[in-house]
Amino acid sequence: MAMSTLFTVAPVLKNISSGFSIIIITLLVAGTAAFVAPIEEEAEEEPVQEPIESQKTKTLESRREVRKDEE
């Protein structure tokens, strides 16, 4: 609200159209808020992929289990 008042009262800023003053005020307030209170990003953990050999072993074991169930 203080920024809006400043753009209404200050002689140099008074000549700026209302649309541009809203845009400028929004950018200034958002930039200030981002600088003062930034939101920290959470670190994303990448899933650990199993080695290909262990994947092949699991596939073979699951096939053997299916064959045992069929018998």
PDB file of N, CA and C in Angstrom:
ATOM      1  N   MET A   1       0.823  -1.186   0.000  1.00  0.00           N
ATOM      2  CA  MET A   1       0.000   0.000   0.000  1.00  0.00           C
ATOM      3  C   MET A   1       0.867   1.249   0.000  1.00  0.00           C
ATOM      4  N   ALA A   2       2.003   1.146   0.650  1.00  0.00           N
ATOM      5  CA  ALA A   2       2.906   2.295   0.680  1.00  0.00           C
ATOM      6  C   ALA A   2       3.449   2.572  -0.721  1.00  0.00           C
ATOM      7  N   MET A   3       3.717   1.506  -1.457  1.00  0.00           N
ATOM      8  CA  MET A   3       4.230   1.681  -2.828  1.00  0.00           C
ATOM      9  C   MET A   3       3.174   2.354  -3.707  1.00  0.00           C
ATOM     10  N   SER A   4       1.935   1.943  -3.545  1.00  0.00           N
ATOM     11  CA  SER A   4       0.851   2.539  -4.321  1.00  0.00           C
ATOM     12  C   SER A   4       0.700   4.018  -4.000  1.00  0.00           C
ATOM     13  N   THR A   5       0.818   4.340  -2.733  1.00  0.00           N
ATOM     14  CA  THR A   5       0.746   5.743  -2.309  1.00  0.00           C
ATOM     15  C   THR A   5       1.914   6.526  -2.879  1.00  0.00           C
ATOM     16  N   LEU A   6       3.085   5.929  -2.869  1.00  0.00           N
ATOM     17  CA  LEU A   6       4.271   6.579  -3.417  1.00  0.00           C
ATOM     18  C   LEU A   6       4.076   6.910  -4.897  1.00  0.00           C
ATOM     19  N   PHE A   7       3.480   5.961  -5.654  1.00  0.00           N
ATOM     20  CA  PHE A   7       3.246   6.200  -7.078  1.00  0.00           C
ATOM     21  C   PHE A   7       2.148   7.250  -7.305  1.00  0.00           C
ATOM     22  N   THR A   8       1.292   7.468  -6.332  1.00  0.00           N
ATOM     23  CA  THR A   8       0.233   8.475  -6.454  1.00  0.00           C
ATOM     24  C   THR A   8       0.736   9.866  -6.076  1.00  0.00           C
ATOM     25  N   VAL A   9       1.653   9.932  -5.107  1.00  0.00           N
ATOM     26  CA  VAL A   9       2.076  11.216  -4.561  1.00  0.00           C
ATOM     27  C   VAL A   9       3.348  11.753  -5.229  1.00  0.00           C
ATOM     28  N   ALA A  10       4.315  10.897  -5.507  1.00  0.00           N
ATOM     29  CA  ALA A  10       5.603  11.353  -6.035  1.00  0.00           C
ATOM     30  C   ALA A  10       5.420  12.006  -7.411  1.00  0.00           C
ATOM     31  N   PRO A  11       6.005  13.184  -7.592  1.00  0.00           N
ATOM     32  CA  PRO A  11       5.804  13.928  -8.844  1.00  0.00           C
ATOM     33  C   PRO A  11       6.253  13.167 -10.101  1.00  0.00           C
ATOM     34  N   VAL A  12       7.384  12.510 -10.032  1.00  0.00           N
ATOM     35  CA  VAL A  12       7.891  11.805 -11.215  1.00  0.00           C
ATOM     36  C   VAL A  12       7.055  10.555 -11.501  1.00  0.00           C
ATOM     37  N   LEU A  13       6.687   9.826 -10.446  1.00  0.00           N
ATOM     38  CA  LEU A  13       5.937   8.589 -10.615  1.00  0.00           C
ATOM     39  C   LEU A  13       4.455   8.837 -10.887  1.00  0.00           C
ATOM     40  N   LYS A  14       3.985  10.045 -10.594  1.00  0.00           N
ATOM     41  CA  LYS A  14       2.577  10.381 -10.803  1.00  0.00           C
ATOM     42  C   LYS A  14       2.204  10.344 -12.289  1.00  0.00           C
ATOM     43  N   ASN A  15       3.170  10.590 -13.164  1.00  0.00           N
ATOM     44  CA  ASN A  15       2.917  10.654 -14.605  1.00  0.00           C
ATOM     45  C   ASN A  15       2.806   9.273 -15.261  1.00  0.00           C
ATOM     46  N   ILE A  16       3.140   8.218 -14.549  1.00  0.00           N
ATOM     47  CA  ILE A  16       3.046   6.864 -15.099  1.00  0.00           C
ATOM     48  C   ILE A  16       1.579   6.425 -15.061  1.00  0.00           C
ATOM     49  N   SER A  17       1.132   5.783 -16.147  1.00  0.00           N
ATOM     50  CA  SER A  17      -0.275   5.356 -16.201  1.00  0.00           C
ATOM     51  C   SER A  17      -0.561   4.318 -15.123  1.00  0.00           C
ATOM     52  N   SER A  18      -1.833   4.184 -14.775  1.00  0.00           N
ATOM     53  CA  SER A  18      -2.215   3.295 -13.675  1.00  0.00           C
ATOM     54  C   SER A  18      -1.880   1.837 -13.979  1.00  0.00           C
ATOM     55  N   GLY A  19      -2.024   1.416 -15.223  1.00  0.00           N
ATOM     56  CA  GLY A  19      -1.701   0.025 -15.588  1.00  0.00           C
ATOM     57  C   GLY A  19      -0.232  -0.287 -15.389  1.00  0.00           C
ATOM     58  N   PHE A  20       0.630   0.610 -15.874  1.00  0.00           N
ATOM     59  CA  PHE A  20       2.068   0.394 -15.706  1.00  0.00           C
ATOM     60  C   PHE A  20       2.484   0.487 -14.244  1.00  0.00           C
ATOM     61  N   SER A  21       1.854   1.380 -13.495  1.00  0.00           N
ATOM     62  CA  SER A  21       2.218   1.493 -12.080  1.00  0.00           C
ATOM     63  C   SER A  21       1.839   0.217 -11.324  1.00  0.00           C
ATOM     64  N   ILE A  22       0.709  -0.401 -11.663  1.00  0.00           N
ATOM     65  CA  ILE A  22       0.326  -1.662 -11.028  1.00  0.00           C
ATOM     66  C   ILE A  22       1.352  -2.748 -11.348  1.00  0.00           C
ATOM     67  N   ILE A  23       1.778  -2.808 -12.599  1.00  0.00           N
ATOM     68  CA  ILE A  23       2.778  -3.807 -13.007  1.00  0.00           C
ATOM     69  C   ILE A  23       4.093  -3.574 -12.265  1.00  0.00           C
ATOM     70  N   ILE A  24       4.551  -2.338 -12.231  1.00  0.00           N
ATOM     71  CA  ILE A  24       5.821  -2.017 -11.573  1.00  0.00           C
ATOM     72  C   ILE A  24       5.746  -2.309 -10.079  1.00  0.00           C
ATOM     73  N   ILE A  25       4.657  -1.914  -9.430  1.00  0.00           N
ATOM     74  CA  ILE A  25       4.492  -2.158  -7.994  1.00  0.00           C
ATOM     75  C   ILE A  25       4.471  -3.654  -7.708  1.00  0.00           C
ATOM     76  N   THR A  26       3.748  -4.410  -8.533  1.00  0.00           N
ATOM     77  CA  THR A  26       3.678  -5.863  -8.347  1.00  0.00           C
ATOM     78  C   THR A  26       5.056  -6.497  -8.442  1.00  0.00           C
ATOM     79  N   LEU A  27       5.836  -6.109  -9.451  1.00  0.00           N
ATOM     80  CA  LEU A  27       7.181  -6.660  -9.607  1.00  0.00           C
ATOM     81  C   LEU A  27       8.098  -6.281  -8.448  1.00  0.00           C
ATOM     82  N   LEU A  28       8.005  -5.042  -7.997  1.00  0.00           N
ATOM     83  CA  LEU A  28       8.843  -4.597  -6.877  1.00  0.00           C
ATOM     84  C   LEU A  28       8.484  -5.326  -5.582  1.00  0.00           C
ATOM     85  N   VAL A  29       7.196  -5.451  -5.295  1.00  0.00           N
ATOM     86  CA  VAL A  29       6.767  -6.112  -4.063  1.00  0.00           C
ATOM     87  C   VAL A  29       7.102  -7.608  -4.118  1.00  0.00           C
ATOM     88  N   ALA A  30       6.853  -8.256  -5.257  1.00  0.00           N
ATOM     89  CA  ALA A  30       7.160  -9.688  -5.387  1.00  0.00           C
ATOM     90  C   ALA A  30       8.664  -9.936  -5.286  1.00  0.00           C
ATOM     91  N   GLY A  31       9.464  -9.078  -5.909  1.00  0.00           N
ATOM     92  CA  GLY A  31      10.915  -9.222  -5.824  1.00  0.00           C
ATOM     93  C   GLY A  31      11.434  -9.032  -4.406  1.00  0.00           C
ATOM     94  N   THR A  32      10.888  -8.056  -3.717  1.00  0.00           N
ATOM     95  CA  THR A  32      11.279  -7.813  -2.332  1.00  0.00           C
ATOM     96  C   THR A  32      10.899  -8.995  -1.443  1.00  0.00           C
ATOM     97  N   ALA A  33       9.690  -9.503  -1.623  1.00  0.00           N
ATOM     98  CA  ALA A  33       9.239 -10.646  -0.821  1.00  0.00           C
ATOM     99  C   ALA A  33      10.088 -11.885  -1.107  1.00  0.00           C
ATOM    100  N   ALA A  34      10.453 -12.099  -2.359  1.00  0.00           N
ATOM    101  CA  ALA A  34      11.290 -13.252  -2.714  1.00  0.00           C
ATOM    102  C   ALA A  34      12.686 -13.124  -2.114  1.00  0.00           C
ATOM    103  N   PHE A  35      13.191 -11.906  -2.023  1.00  0.00           N
ATOM    104  CA  PHE A  35      14.516 -11.691  -1.443  1.00  0.00           C
ATOM    105  C   PHE A  35      14.489 -11.846   0.078  1.00  0.00           C
ATOM    106  N   VAL A  36      13.449 -11.304   0.706  1.00  0.00           N
ATOM    107  CA  VAL A  36      13.353 -11.329   2.164  1.00  0.00           C
ATOM    108  C   VAL A  36      13.010 -12.718   2.692  1.00  0.00           C
ATOM    109  N   ALA A  37      12.071 -13.406   2.058  1.00  0.00           N
ATOM    110  CA  ALA A  37      11.601 -14.703   2.556  1.00  0.00           C
ATOM    111  C   ALA A  37      11.565 -15.734   1.426  1.00  0.00           C
ATOM    112  N   PRO A  38      12.735 -16.199   0.971  1.00  0.00           N
ATOM    113  CA  PRO A  38      12.740 -17.178  -0.120  1.00  0.00           C
ATOM    114  C   PRO A  38      12.224 -18.545   0.336  1.00  0.00           C
ATOM    115  N   ILE A  39      11.629 -19.267  -0.581  1.00  0.00           N
ATOM    116  CA  ILE A  39      11.151 -20.625  -0.304  1.00  0.00           C
ATOM    117  C   ILE A  39      12.256 -21.580  -0.711  1.00  0.00           C
ATOM    118  N   GLU A  40      12.688 -22.412   0.234  1.00  0.00           N
ATOM    119  CA  GLU A  40      13.757 -23.358  -0.067  1.00  0.00           C
ATOM    120  C   GLU A  40      13.177 -24.579  -0.769  1.00  0.00           C
ATOM    121  N   GLU A  41      13.879 -25.023  -1.803  1.00  0.00           N
ATOM    122  CA  GLU A  41      13.435 -26.202  -2.538  1.00  0.00           C
ATOM    123  C   GLU A  41      13.910 -27.454  -1.830  1.00  0.00           C
ATOM    124  N   GLU A  42      13.060 -28.487  -1.870  1.00  0.00           N
ATOM    125  CA  GLU A  42      13.444 -29.765  -1.288  1.00  0.00           C
ATOM    126  C   GLU A  42      14.303 -30.524  -2.289  1.00  0.00           C
ATOM    127  N   ALA A  43      15.333 -31.163  -1.776  1.00  0.00           N
ATOM    128  CA  ALA A  43      16.213 -31.939  -2.641  1.00  0.00           C
ATOM    129  C   ALA A  43      15.497 -33.223  -3.046  1.00  0.00           C
ATOM    130  N   GLU A  44      15.496 -33.491  -4.340  1.00  0.00           N
ATOM    131  CA  GLU A  44      14.863 -34.704  -4.833  1.00  0.00           C
ATOM    132  C   GLU A  44      15.876 -35.841  -4.804  1.00  0.00           C
ATOM    133  N   GLU A  45      15.454 -36.953  -4.237  1.00  0.00           N
ATOM    134  CA  GLU A  45      16.325 -38.119  -4.195  1.00  0.00           C
ATOM    135  C   GLU A  45      16.035 -38.994  -5.411  1.00  0.00           C
ATOM    136  N   GLU A  46      17.077 -39.327  -6.125  1.00  0.00           N
ATOM    137  CA  GLU A  46      16.906 -40.196  -7.285  1.00  0.00           C
ATOM    138  C   GLU A  46      16.839 -41.640  -6.812  1.00  0.00           C
ATOM    139  N   PRO A  47      15.895 -42.399  -7.353  1.00  0.00           N
ATOM    140  CA  PRO A  47      15.814 -43.803  -6.940  1.00  0.00           C
ATOM    141  C   PRO A  47      17.060 -44.570  -7.392  1.00  0.00           C
ATOM    142  N   VAL A  48      17.509 -45.432  -6.520  1.00  0.00           N
ATOM    143  CA  VAL A  48      18.689 -46.228  -6.836  1.00  0.00           C
ATOM    144  C   VAL A  48      18.243 -47.423  -7.672  1.00  0.00           C
ATOM    145  N   GLN A  49      18.829 -47.549  -8.829  1.00  0.00           N
ATOM    146  CA  GLN A  49      18.454 -48.642  -9.717  1.00  0.00           C
ATOM    147  C   GLN A  49      19.343 -49.848  -9.426  1.00  0.00           C
ATOM    148  N   GLU A  50      18.712 -51.016  -9.395  1.00  0.00           N
ATOM    149  CA  GLU A  50      19.463 -52.237  -9.137  1.00  0.00           C
ATOM    150  C   GLU A  50      20.325 -52.567 -10.348  1.00  0.00           C
ATOM    151  N   PRO A  51      21.431 -53.256 -10.118  1.00  0.00           N
ATOM    152  CA  PRO A  51      22.258 -53.670 -11.244  1.00  0.00           C
ATOM    153  C   PRO A  51      21.475 -54.609 -12.163  1.00  0.00           C
ATOM    154  N   ILE A  52      21.829 -54.605 -13.420  1.00  0.00           N
ATOM    155  CA  ILE A  52      21.112 -55.413 -14.414  1.00  0.00           C
ATOM    156  C   ILE A  52      21.174 -56.893 -14.073  1.00  0.00           C
ATOM    157  N   GLU A  53      22.297 -57.360 -13.554  1.00  0.00           N
ATOM    158  CA  GLU A  53      22.432 -58.784 -13.218  1.00  0.00           C
ATOM    159  C   GLU A  53      21.409 -59.214 -12.175  1.00  0.00           C
ATOM    160  N   SER A  54      21.183 -58.383 -11.157  1.00  0.00           N
ATOM    161  CA  SER A  54      20.218 -58.759 -10.123  1.00  0.00           C
ATOM    162  C   SER A  54      18.796 -58.715 -10.686  1.00  0.00           C
ATOM    163  N   GLN A  55      18.536 -57.829 -11.640  1.00  0.00           N
ATOM    164  CA  GLN A  55      17.219 -57.790 -12.281  1.00  0.00           C
ATOM    165  C   GLN A  55      16.982 -59.079 -13.071  1.00  0.00           C
ATOM    166  N   LYS A  56      18.016 -59.561 -13.764  1.00  0.00           N
ATOM    167  CA  LYS A  56      17.892 -60.797 -14.526  1.00  0.00           C
ATOM    168  C   LYS A  56      17.645 -61.970 -13.592  1.00  0.00           C
ATOM    169  N   THR A  57      18.324 -61.977 -12.471  1.00  0.00           N
ATOM    170  CA  THR A  57      18.162 -63.059 -11.503  1.00  0.00           C
ATOM    171  C   THR A  57      16.731 -63.073 -10.955  1.00  0.00           C
ATOM    172  N   LYS A  58      16.200 -61.919 -10.643  1.00  0.00           N
ATOM    173  CA  LYS A  58      14.837 -61.848 -10.141  1.00  0.00           C
ATOM    174  C   LYS A  58      13.844 -62.332 -11.191  1.00  0.00           C
ATOM    175  N   THR A  59      14.084 -61.993 -12.433  1.00  0.00           N
ATOM    176  CA  THR A  59      13.189 -62.432 -13.506  1.00  0.00           C
ATOM    177  C   THR A  59      13.222 -63.943 -13.633  1.00  0.00           C
ATOM    178  N   LEU A  60      14.405 -64.532 -13.583  1.00  0.00           N
ATOM    179  CA  LEU A  60      14.523 -65.984 -13.675  1.00  0.00           C
ATOM    180  C   LEU A  60      13.850 -66.660 -12.490  1.00  0.00           C
ATOM    181  N   GLU A  61      14.023 -66.107 -11.308  1.00  0.00           N
ATOM    182  CA  GLU A  61      13.407 -66.687 -10.116  1.00  0.00           C
ATOM    183  C   GLU A  61      11.888 -66.619 -10.200  1.00  0.00           C
ATOM    184  N   SER A  62      11.359 -65.515 -10.695  1.00  0.00           N
ATOM    185  CA  SER A  62       9.902 -65.397 -10.802  1.00  0.00           C
ATOM    186  C   SER A  62       9.357 -66.378 -11.835  1.00  0.00           C
ATOM    187  N   ARG A  63      10.094 -66.637 -12.912  1.00  0.00           N
ATOM    188  CA  ARG A  63       9.662 -67.625 -13.911  1.00  0.00           C
ATOM    189  C   ARG A  63       9.650 -69.025 -13.306  1.00  0.00           C
ATOM    190  N   ARG A  64      10.648 -69.316 -12.492  1.00  0.00           N
ATOM    191  CA  ARG A  64      10.706 -70.629 -11.851  1.00  0.00           C
ATOM    192  C   ARG A  64       9.532 -70.808 -10.889  1.00  0.00           C
ATOM    193  N   GLU A  65       9.183 -69.760 -10.181  1.00  0.00           N
ATOM    194  CA  GLU A  65       8.056 -69.839  -9.251  1.00  0.00           C
ATOM    195  C   GLU A  65       6.756 -70.087  -9.996  1.00  0.00           C
ATOM    196  N   VAL A  66       6.581 -69.435 -11.143  1.00  0.00           N
ATOM    197  CA  VAL A  66       5.371 -69.633 -11.928  1.00  0.00           C
ATOM    198  C   VAL A  66       5.289 -71.067 -12.423  1.00  0.00           C
ATOM    199  N   ARG A  67       6.409 -71.627 -12.865  1.00  0.00           N
ATOM    200  CA  ARG A  67       6.429 -73.006 -13.356  1.00  0.00           C
ATOM    201  C   ARG A  67       6.106 -73.973 -12.235  1.00  0.00           C
ATOM    202  N   LYS A  68       6.605 -73.703 -11.022  1.00  0.00           N
ATOM    203  CA  LYS A  68       6.319 -74.583  -9.880  1.00  0.00           C
ATOM    204  C   LYS A  68       4.824 -74.535  -9.558  1.00  0.00           C
ATOM    205  N   ASP A  69       4.226 -73.369  -9.648  1.00  0.00           N
ATOM    206  CA  ASP A  69       2.800 -73.215  -9.352  1.00  0.00           C
ATOM    207  C   ASP A  69       1.944 -73.938 -10.395  1.00  0.00           C
ATOM    208  N   GLU A  70       2.410 -73.998 -11.623  1.00  0.00           N
ATOM    209  CA  GLU A  70       1.658 -74.659 -12.692  1.00  0.00           C
ATOM    210  C   GLU A  70       1.672 -76.177 -12.541  1.00  0.00           C
ATOM    211  N   GLU A  71       2.704 -76.703 -11.939  1.00  0.00           N
ATOM    212  CA  GLU A  71       2.827 -78.158 -11.809  1.00  0.00           C
ATOM    213  C   GLU A  71       1.944 -78.727 -10.788  1.00  0.00           C
TER     214      GLU A  71
END
